[in-house]
N, C-alpha and C. Protein backbone atom coordinates (compact mmCIF):
# COMPACT_ATOMS: atom_id res chain seq x y z
N MET A 1 29.40 33.57 88.07
CA MET A 1 30.28 33.44 86.94
C MET A 1 30.17 32.01 86.41
N ASP A 2 30.05 31.86 85.14
CA ASP A 2 29.86 30.57 84.49
C ASP A 2 31.15 29.74 84.56
N ILE A 3 31.00 28.46 84.89
CA ILE A 3 32.16 27.57 85.01
C ILE A 3 32.88 27.44 83.67
N ARG A 4 32.16 27.57 82.56
CA ARG A 4 32.82 27.50 81.25
C ARG A 4 33.78 28.66 81.07
N LYS A 5 33.39 29.84 81.59
CA LYS A 5 34.28 31.00 81.51
C LYS A 5 35.54 30.76 82.33
N VAL A 6 35.36 30.16 83.52
CA VAL A 6 36.51 29.89 84.39
C VAL A 6 37.45 28.90 83.71
N LYS A 7 36.89 27.84 83.10
CA LYS A 7 37.72 26.85 82.41
C LYS A 7 38.48 27.51 81.26
N LYS A 8 37.81 28.40 80.54
CA LYS A 8 38.46 29.10 79.43
C LYS A 8 39.60 29.99 79.95
N LEU A 9 39.36 30.65 81.10
CA LEU A 9 40.41 31.47 81.71
C LEU A 9 41.63 30.62 82.09
N ILE A 10 41.36 29.42 82.63
CA ILE A 10 42.45 28.52 83.01
C ILE A 10 43.27 28.16 81.77
N GLU A 11 42.58 27.80 80.68
CA GLU A 11 43.28 27.46 79.44
C GLU A 11 44.11 28.63 78.93
N MET A 12 43.51 29.83 78.95
CA MET A 12 44.20 31.02 78.48
C MET A 12 45.45 31.29 79.31
N LEU A 13 45.35 31.15 80.63
CA LEU A 13 46.49 31.39 81.51
C LEU A 13 47.60 30.36 81.26
N GLU A 14 47.21 29.09 81.10
CA GLU A 14 48.20 28.04 80.86
C GLU A 14 48.96 28.27 79.56
N ASN A 15 48.28 28.81 78.56
CA ASN A 15 48.88 29.01 77.24
C ASN A 15 49.51 30.38 77.06
N SER A 16 49.61 31.15 78.12
CA SER A 16 50.18 32.49 78.01
C SER A 16 51.44 32.61 78.86
N ASN A 17 52.10 33.77 78.73
CA ASN A 17 53.28 34.06 79.55
C ASN A 17 52.90 34.75 80.85
N LEU A 18 51.63 34.98 81.06
CA LEU A 18 51.17 35.63 82.29
C LEU A 18 51.34 34.70 83.48
N GLU A 19 51.60 35.27 84.63
CA GLU A 19 51.74 34.50 85.86
C GLU A 19 50.46 34.52 86.69
N GLU A 20 49.63 35.54 86.49
CA GLU A 20 48.45 35.73 87.33
C GLU A 20 47.38 36.45 86.52
N ILE A 21 46.12 36.10 86.78
CA ILE A 21 44.99 36.79 86.16
C ILE A 21 43.87 36.88 87.18
N GLU A 22 43.24 38.04 87.24
CA GLU A 22 42.10 38.23 88.15
C GLU A 22 40.98 38.90 87.36
N ILE A 23 39.80 38.30 87.42
CA ILE A 23 38.64 38.80 86.70
C ILE A 23 37.54 39.08 87.70
N GLN A 24 36.91 40.25 87.57
CA GLN A 24 35.79 40.60 88.45
C GLN A 24 34.57 40.85 87.58
N GLU A 25 33.46 40.20 87.93
CA GLU A 25 32.21 40.33 87.20
C GLU A 25 31.12 40.59 88.23
N GLY A 26 30.73 41.85 88.39
CA GLY A 26 29.76 42.19 89.42
C GLY A 26 30.39 41.98 90.79
N GLU A 27 29.70 41.20 91.64
CA GLU A 27 30.22 40.90 92.98
C GLU A 27 31.13 39.69 92.99
N GLU A 28 31.18 38.94 91.90
CA GLU A 28 31.99 37.74 91.83
C GLU A 28 33.36 38.07 91.26
N SER A 29 34.37 37.38 91.77
CA SER A 29 35.71 37.55 91.21
C SER A 29 36.44 36.21 91.27
N VAL A 30 37.32 36.01 90.30
CA VAL A 30 38.14 34.80 90.25
C VAL A 30 39.58 35.23 90.04
N ARG A 31 40.48 34.65 90.82
CA ARG A 31 41.91 34.96 90.71
C ARG A 31 42.66 33.66 90.45
N LEU A 32 43.43 33.62 89.39
CA LEU A 32 44.23 32.45 89.03
C LEU A 32 45.70 32.84 89.07
N VAL A 33 46.53 32.02 89.70
CA VAL A 33 47.96 32.28 89.81
C VAL A 33 48.70 31.06 89.29
N LYS A 34 49.65 31.30 88.39
CA LYS A 34 50.41 30.21 87.79
C LYS A 34 51.80 30.18 88.41
N GLY A 35 52.30 28.99 88.68
CA GLY A 35 53.65 28.81 89.19
C GLY A 35 54.24 27.56 88.59
N ASN A 36 55.46 27.61 88.11
CA ASN A 36 56.14 26.48 87.48
C ASN A 36 55.35 25.92 86.30
N GLY A 37 54.67 26.80 85.58
CA GLY A 37 53.93 26.35 84.40
C GLY A 37 52.56 25.78 84.69
N ASN A 38 52.23 25.59 85.97
CA ASN A 38 50.92 25.06 86.34
C ASN A 38 50.18 26.05 87.20
N ILE A 39 48.88 25.99 87.14
CA ILE A 39 48.09 26.85 88.01
C ILE A 39 48.14 26.24 89.40
N ASN A 40 48.58 27.04 90.39
CA ASN A 40 48.73 26.47 91.73
C ASN A 40 47.85 27.13 92.77
N ASN A 41 47.09 28.11 92.40
CA ASN A 41 46.23 28.77 93.39
C ASN A 41 45.02 29.35 92.69
N ILE A 42 43.86 29.00 93.17
CA ILE A 42 42.62 29.56 92.63
C ILE A 42 41.81 30.02 93.82
N SER A 43 41.33 31.25 93.78
CA SER A 43 40.49 31.71 94.87
C SER A 43 39.29 32.43 94.29
N SER A 44 38.25 32.50 95.06
CA SER A 44 37.01 33.11 94.61
C SER A 44 36.38 33.85 95.77
N SER A 45 35.78 35.01 95.50
CA SER A 45 35.19 35.78 96.59
C SER A 45 33.78 35.33 96.91
N GLN A 46 33.17 34.53 96.04
CA GLN A 46 31.85 33.99 96.32
C GLN A 46 31.90 32.49 96.10
N SER A 47 30.80 31.83 96.32
CA SER A 47 30.78 30.39 96.18
C SER A 47 30.57 30.01 94.72
N VAL A 48 31.51 30.41 93.89
CA VAL A 48 31.50 30.06 92.48
C VAL A 48 32.12 28.68 92.39
N ALA A 49 31.54 27.80 91.58
CA ALA A 49 32.06 26.44 91.44
C ALA A 49 33.35 26.50 90.63
N VAL A 50 34.48 26.59 91.32
CA VAL A 50 35.78 26.69 90.69
C VAL A 50 36.58 25.44 91.07
N PRO A 51 37.08 24.71 90.07
CA PRO A 51 37.84 23.51 90.42
C PRO A 51 39.16 23.87 91.09
N GLN A 52 39.45 23.26 92.22
CA GLN A 52 40.71 23.49 92.90
C GLN A 52 41.76 22.60 92.26
N MET A 53 42.85 23.20 91.82
CA MET A 53 43.89 22.44 91.14
C MET A 53 45.16 22.39 91.97
N SER A 54 45.06 22.71 93.24
CA SER A 54 46.25 22.70 94.08
C SER A 54 45.93 22.05 95.40
N THR A 55 46.98 21.78 96.15
CA THR A 55 46.78 21.19 97.47
C THR A 55 47.01 22.21 98.57
N SER A 56 47.28 23.46 98.19
CA SER A 56 47.48 24.49 99.20
C SER A 56 46.15 24.81 99.87
N VAL A 57 46.17 25.09 101.17
CA VAL A 57 44.96 25.36 101.93
C VAL A 57 44.77 26.87 102.00
N THR A 58 43.60 27.32 101.52
CA THR A 58 43.28 28.74 101.59
C THR A 58 42.69 29.02 102.97
N PRO A 59 42.67 30.28 103.41
CA PRO A 59 42.07 30.60 104.71
C PRO A 59 40.62 30.14 104.80
N GLU A 60 39.86 30.21 103.67
CA GLU A 60 38.47 29.75 103.70
C GLU A 60 38.39 28.26 104.00
N GLU A 61 39.28 27.45 103.35
CA GLU A 61 39.29 26.02 103.58
C GLU A 61 39.69 25.71 105.00
N GLU A 62 40.65 26.48 105.53
CA GLU A 62 41.11 26.27 106.89
C GLU A 62 39.98 26.50 107.88
N SER A 63 39.22 27.59 107.71
CA SER A 63 38.13 27.88 108.63
C SER A 63 37.02 26.86 108.48
N GLN A 64 36.81 26.36 107.26
CA GLN A 64 35.78 25.36 107.06
C GLN A 64 36.17 24.06 107.76
N SER A 65 37.44 23.66 107.66
CA SER A 65 37.85 22.43 108.32
C SER A 65 37.78 22.57 109.84
N GLU A 66 38.06 23.77 110.36
CA GLU A 66 37.90 24.00 111.80
C GLU A 66 36.44 23.88 112.19
N GLU A 67 35.55 24.39 111.34
CA GLU A 67 34.11 24.29 111.61
C GLU A 67 33.67 22.84 111.61
N GLU A 68 34.18 22.03 110.66
CA GLU A 68 33.83 20.62 110.60
C GLU A 68 34.31 19.90 111.86
N VAL A 69 35.50 20.24 112.34
CA VAL A 69 36.02 19.62 113.56
C VAL A 69 35.15 19.98 114.75
N SER A 70 34.77 21.28 114.88
CA SER A 70 33.94 21.67 116.00
C SER A 70 32.55 21.05 115.89
N GLN A 71 32.06 20.88 114.66
CA GLN A 71 30.76 20.24 114.46
C GLN A 71 30.81 18.79 114.93
N LYS A 72 31.90 18.09 114.63
CA LYS A 72 32.03 16.69 115.02
C LYS A 72 32.19 16.55 116.52
N SER A 73 32.79 17.55 117.17
CA SER A 73 32.99 17.46 118.61
C SER A 73 31.71 17.78 119.38
N GLU A 74 30.79 18.52 118.75
CA GLU A 74 29.51 18.82 119.38
C GLU A 74 28.59 17.62 119.29
N GLU A 75 27.80 17.41 120.30
CA GLU A 75 26.82 16.34 120.30
C GLU A 75 25.51 16.86 119.74
N GLY A 76 24.76 16.00 119.11
CA GLY A 76 23.46 16.38 118.56
C GLY A 76 23.38 16.04 117.08
N ASN A 77 22.21 16.30 116.52
CA ASN A 77 21.98 16.05 115.11
C ASN A 77 22.09 17.36 114.34
N PHE A 78 22.74 17.31 113.20
CA PHE A 78 22.92 18.51 112.39
C PHE A 78 22.23 18.31 111.05
N ILE A 79 21.48 19.32 110.64
CA ILE A 79 20.95 19.36 109.28
C ILE A 79 22.01 20.08 108.47
N THR A 80 22.52 19.43 107.45
CA THR A 80 23.61 19.99 106.65
C THR A 80 23.12 20.34 105.25
N SER A 81 23.86 21.20 104.60
CA SER A 81 23.52 21.60 103.23
C SER A 81 23.89 20.48 102.27
N PRO A 82 22.96 20.06 101.42
CA PRO A 82 23.26 19.00 100.46
C PRO A 82 23.96 19.53 99.20
N MET A 83 24.22 20.86 99.17
CA MET A 83 24.81 21.45 97.96
C MET A 83 25.45 22.79 98.29
N VAL A 84 26.23 23.29 97.37
CA VAL A 84 26.77 24.64 97.45
C VAL A 84 25.68 25.59 96.96
N GLY A 85 25.46 26.67 97.68
CA GLY A 85 24.44 27.62 97.25
C GLY A 85 24.28 28.76 98.24
N THR A 86 23.11 29.37 98.22
CA THR A 86 22.80 30.48 99.12
C THR A 86 21.66 30.06 100.04
N PHE A 87 21.85 30.24 101.34
CA PHE A 87 20.88 29.86 102.37
C PHE A 87 19.80 30.92 102.51
N TYR A 88 18.55 30.49 102.51
CA TYR A 88 17.43 31.39 102.79
C TYR A 88 16.57 30.77 103.89
N ALA A 89 16.30 31.55 104.93
CA ALA A 89 15.54 31.06 106.08
C ALA A 89 14.03 31.07 105.83
N SER A 90 13.56 31.82 104.82
CA SER A 90 12.13 31.91 104.54
C SER A 90 11.88 31.73 103.05
N ALA A 91 10.59 31.55 102.70
CA ALA A 91 10.22 31.29 101.31
C ALA A 91 10.37 32.53 100.44
N SER A 92 10.23 33.72 101.03
CA SER A 92 10.37 34.95 100.26
C SER A 92 10.83 36.06 101.19
N PRO A 93 11.45 37.10 100.64
CA PRO A 93 11.90 38.21 101.49
C PRO A 93 10.71 38.82 102.25
N GLY A 94 10.89 39.06 103.52
CA GLY A 94 9.84 39.67 104.33
C GLY A 94 8.91 38.67 104.99
N SER A 95 8.89 37.43 104.53
CA SER A 95 8.03 36.44 105.18
C SER A 95 8.75 35.81 106.37
N LYS A 96 7.98 35.18 107.25
CA LYS A 96 8.60 34.62 108.46
C LYS A 96 9.44 33.39 108.13
N PRO A 97 10.51 33.15 108.91
CA PRO A 97 11.38 32.00 108.66
C PRO A 97 10.62 30.68 108.82
N PHE A 98 11.10 29.65 108.13
CA PHE A 98 10.50 28.33 108.25
C PHE A 98 10.57 27.85 109.69
N ILE A 99 11.74 28.03 110.34
CA ILE A 99 11.91 27.61 111.74
C ILE A 99 12.76 28.64 112.47
N ASN A 100 12.60 28.65 113.80
CA ASN A 100 13.39 29.51 114.69
C ASN A 100 13.98 28.64 115.80
N VAL A 101 14.97 29.18 116.50
CA VAL A 101 15.54 28.47 117.65
C VAL A 101 14.42 28.24 118.66
N GLY A 102 14.35 27.01 119.16
CA GLY A 102 13.32 26.64 120.13
C GLY A 102 12.13 25.94 119.51
N ASP A 103 11.96 26.03 118.19
CA ASP A 103 10.85 25.36 117.52
C ASP A 103 11.05 23.85 117.52
N LEU A 104 9.94 23.12 117.49
CA LEU A 104 9.98 21.67 117.32
C LEU A 104 9.80 21.36 115.84
N VAL A 105 10.64 20.48 115.32
CA VAL A 105 10.52 20.07 113.92
C VAL A 105 10.34 18.57 113.87
N ALA A 106 9.63 18.13 112.84
CA ALA A 106 9.44 16.71 112.60
C ALA A 106 10.25 16.32 111.37
N GLU A 107 10.62 15.06 111.31
CA GLU A 107 11.35 14.57 110.15
C GLU A 107 10.52 14.85 108.89
N GLY A 108 11.14 15.46 107.90
CA GLY A 108 10.43 15.78 106.65
C GLY A 108 9.93 17.20 106.56
N ASP A 109 9.97 17.96 107.67
CA ASP A 109 9.55 19.37 107.63
C ASP A 109 10.56 20.19 106.83
N VAL A 110 10.07 21.15 106.05
CA VAL A 110 10.95 22.06 105.33
C VAL A 110 11.53 23.04 106.35
N VAL A 111 12.86 23.16 106.37
CA VAL A 111 13.52 24.03 107.36
C VAL A 111 14.16 25.26 106.73
N CYS A 112 14.45 25.21 105.42
CA CYS A 112 15.06 26.35 104.74
C CYS A 112 15.07 26.08 103.24
N ILE A 113 15.62 27.04 102.52
CA ILE A 113 15.81 26.90 101.07
C ILE A 113 17.29 27.18 100.79
N VAL A 114 17.86 26.38 99.90
CA VAL A 114 19.21 26.65 99.41
C VAL A 114 19.08 26.87 97.90
N GLU A 115 19.46 28.07 97.49
CA GLU A 115 19.41 28.41 96.06
C GLU A 115 20.73 27.99 95.42
N ALA A 116 20.62 27.21 94.36
CA ALA A 116 21.80 26.78 93.60
C ALA A 116 21.46 26.86 92.13
N MET A 117 22.26 27.59 91.38
CA MET A 117 22.07 27.74 89.94
C MET A 117 20.66 28.23 89.61
N LYS A 118 20.21 29.23 90.37
CA LYS A 118 18.92 29.88 90.20
C LYS A 118 17.73 28.94 90.45
N MET A 119 17.99 27.80 91.10
CA MET A 119 16.93 26.86 91.49
C MET A 119 16.78 26.93 93.00
N MET A 120 15.53 27.05 93.46
CA MET A 120 15.25 27.08 94.88
C MET A 120 14.99 25.65 95.36
N ASN A 121 15.85 25.14 96.23
CA ASN A 121 15.76 23.77 96.72
C ASN A 121 15.32 23.77 98.18
N GLU A 122 14.17 23.16 98.44
CA GLU A 122 13.68 23.05 99.83
C GLU A 122 14.53 22.02 100.55
N ILE A 123 15.00 22.37 101.73
CA ILE A 123 15.79 21.45 102.55
C ILE A 123 14.88 20.96 103.67
N LYS A 124 14.77 19.65 103.78
CA LYS A 124 13.88 19.04 104.77
C LYS A 124 14.70 18.45 105.91
N SER A 125 14.09 18.46 107.08
CA SER A 125 14.76 17.93 108.26
C SER A 125 14.87 16.41 108.17
N GLU A 126 16.03 15.90 108.55
CA GLU A 126 16.25 14.46 108.60
C GLU A 126 15.96 13.93 110.00
N PHE A 127 15.66 14.86 110.93
CA PHE A 127 15.48 14.49 112.33
C PHE A 127 14.22 15.13 112.89
N SER A 128 13.72 14.55 113.96
CA SER A 128 12.66 15.18 114.74
C SER A 128 13.29 15.68 116.03
N GLY A 129 12.88 16.85 116.48
CA GLY A 129 13.43 17.39 117.72
C GLY A 129 13.27 18.88 117.80
N LYS A 130 14.02 19.46 118.73
CA LYS A 130 13.96 20.90 118.99
C LYS A 130 15.16 21.58 118.34
N VAL A 131 14.93 22.73 117.70
CA VAL A 131 15.99 23.50 117.07
C VAL A 131 16.82 24.16 118.17
N VAL A 132 18.09 23.76 118.29
CA VAL A 132 18.98 24.29 119.31
C VAL A 132 19.69 25.54 118.80
N SER A 133 20.14 25.49 117.54
CA SER A 133 20.84 26.66 116.99
C SER A 133 20.74 26.67 115.47
N ILE A 134 20.83 27.88 114.94
CA ILE A 134 20.88 28.09 113.49
C ILE A 134 22.30 28.55 113.20
N LYS A 135 23.02 27.80 112.38
CA LYS A 135 24.45 27.99 112.20
C LYS A 135 24.82 29.01 111.12
N VAL A 136 23.86 29.45 110.29
CA VAL A 136 24.15 30.40 109.21
C VAL A 136 23.14 31.54 109.21
N GLU A 137 23.54 32.65 108.63
CA GLU A 137 22.68 33.82 108.50
C GLU A 137 21.92 33.76 107.18
N ASN A 138 20.77 34.44 107.14
CA ASN A 138 19.98 34.51 105.92
C ASN A 138 20.80 35.13 104.79
N SER A 139 20.66 34.58 103.59
CA SER A 139 21.33 35.04 102.36
C SER A 139 22.84 34.78 102.38
N GLU A 140 23.31 33.94 103.27
CA GLU A 140 24.74 33.64 103.37
C GLU A 140 25.08 32.46 102.45
N PRO A 141 26.23 32.50 101.76
CA PRO A 141 26.64 31.34 100.96
C PRO A 141 26.95 30.15 101.86
N VAL A 142 26.58 28.96 101.41
CA VAL A 142 26.87 27.74 102.16
C VAL A 142 27.58 26.74 101.26
N GLU A 143 28.35 25.88 101.88
CA GLU A 143 29.10 24.85 101.18
C GLU A 143 28.41 23.50 101.36
N TYR A 144 28.76 22.55 100.52
CA TYR A 144 28.26 21.19 100.64
C TYR A 144 28.68 20.62 102.00
N GLY A 145 27.75 20.06 102.72
CA GLY A 145 28.04 19.43 104.01
C GLY A 145 28.14 20.38 105.18
N GLN A 146 27.99 21.69 104.95
CA GLN A 146 28.07 22.68 106.03
C GLN A 146 26.84 22.55 106.94
N ALA A 147 27.06 22.61 108.24
CA ALA A 147 25.95 22.54 109.20
C ALA A 147 25.08 23.79 109.09
N LEU A 148 23.77 23.57 108.97
CA LEU A 148 22.83 24.68 108.91
C LEU A 148 22.08 24.84 110.23
N PHE A 149 21.68 23.72 110.82
CA PHE A 149 20.92 23.73 112.06
C PHE A 149 21.41 22.60 112.98
N LYS A 150 21.30 22.84 114.28
CA LYS A 150 21.54 21.79 115.26
C LYS A 150 20.19 21.43 115.87
N ILE A 151 19.87 20.15 115.86
CA ILE A 151 18.59 19.67 116.38
C ILE A 151 18.86 18.73 117.55
N ALA A 152 18.19 18.97 118.68
CA ALA A 152 18.30 18.10 119.85
C ALA A 152 17.08 17.18 119.87
N GLU A 153 17.31 15.96 120.26
CA GLU A 153 16.19 15.00 120.32
C GLU A 153 15.31 15.24 121.52
């Protein structure tokens, strides 16, 4: 869903007597809820770039912060997503993954692709070492800074 459409929906909701609006476009959906004249809750079923205008914590944000805490408590090097997008383990459907658990990677090796705004972005390893774990599934949405791989030296 285009961010311009979402911004237009926000404007329309603010200027109307409606308290809530939910729009579904294919697999994507956006829900806006107004309280006290301001939009206080925005949620999305996919990783659509929707500006958060509230300080309330959604269950998705809560689980993400728990993941960040567990990531910080684990020892090792993590390759993280530099952007919001969709994780792909291989260059094309049906081809073998760039890396598997147990593989050795060198700094600069391509480890996956993150698709963002219909652009395929190669993600390169910042570390050399052995792949200990893969933290996401193929075709899964990822957030900025989310751990994708754990690499042991």
